[in-house]
Amino acid sequence: MAHSESRLVIYAALAGNFLIAVTKFVAAGMTGSSAMLSEGVHSLVDTGNQGLLLLGLKRAQRPADPDHPFGHGKEVYFWSFLVAILIFAVGAGVSIVEGIRHVLHPRHLENVGINYLVLGLSFVFEGAAWFMALKVFRRAKGRLGYFQAVRRSKDPTTFVVLFEDSAAMLGIIVAAAGIGLGQLTGWHWMDGAASVVIGLILAVTAWLLAVETKDLLIGESAAPEVVAAIRETVGARAEVVAVHEVLTLHMGPEFVLVNLSLDFDDDLDAAAVESATAAMVADIKRSQPLVKRVFIKATENPPAGSDTL
């Protein structure tokens, strides 16, 4: 997915979450609702997270330098992983602690109607941001299923926003349910219990995001179809006797590094091997736009454990 689309989704979520956070904090102060306070913290954390994602996109565009010869594309993965940590440490932590405090020391809520109004408006705004993120994610995933698309996505910015907005909408529903049940039953601790549930939702969301971004940060290969296409491209060359290894690594959402181990025809001289190598690199980059760097090693015997064509 293009970074321009990523930015559009993030800007929309950032603006919406900031306004929603301010409104929720005002409502929490007026009503004394623990669930509303947790929702305010949730939206504030989401606002900060979108800022970190934008920072990651900006820093990832810096050109390569002697200390970072393959560029800074993995900055996106680092800041996305940091987002997951903040959701867990701040969002989930504050919500659970605040919820437990109100369960142990429940209090009567005042001006409850304000909570419902704010939660209703928040659901509309969050829903709009969620729909935009979902629309972009659907376009990026193609024919893949949602779970498979998340697992294979190399651009975490959109699914991070999608996860955050999904958790936000679920949290709004829980907050409304907790406030409503507390009002109907007179069990004022239900408001605090809703805050604890919101915290658990955030903890699960943070864990899912951490798992996905950790793999990207460590280093994931290109999609199987990309690897297969590269293998087919080089294997079709008359100069190549065998394709031993096709090793790929995403150095960022739009930067794939390729290492090839090939067995060339023994009758070729050095000039012919150089010419064939240059032609293969050009063919690979032309057919796979994400491939930015290609390294080819000529070897007669396949490395241990490699797949040979």
Foldseek 3Di string as FASTA:
>chain_A
DDVVLLLVLLVLLLVLLVVLLVLLVVQCVQWVFLLSPLLSQLSVLSNVLSVLLVVLVVQQPDAADPVRNQGRQLSNLVSLLVSLVCLQPRNLVSLQVSLVVCLVPPDGTPPVVSLVVSLVVSLVSLVVSLVSLVVVLCVVQDPDDPVVSLLQAQRCSSVLSNLSSVLSNVLSVLQVVQSVVCVVVVSRSSSSVSSNVSSVSSNVSSVVSNVRSVDLSVWDFHDPVLQVVLLVLLVPDPQFPKWWAWTWTDSHNQEIETETETEGDPVDDPVRVVVSVVVSVVVSCVVRVSYDYYHYHHDHDHDPPTDMD
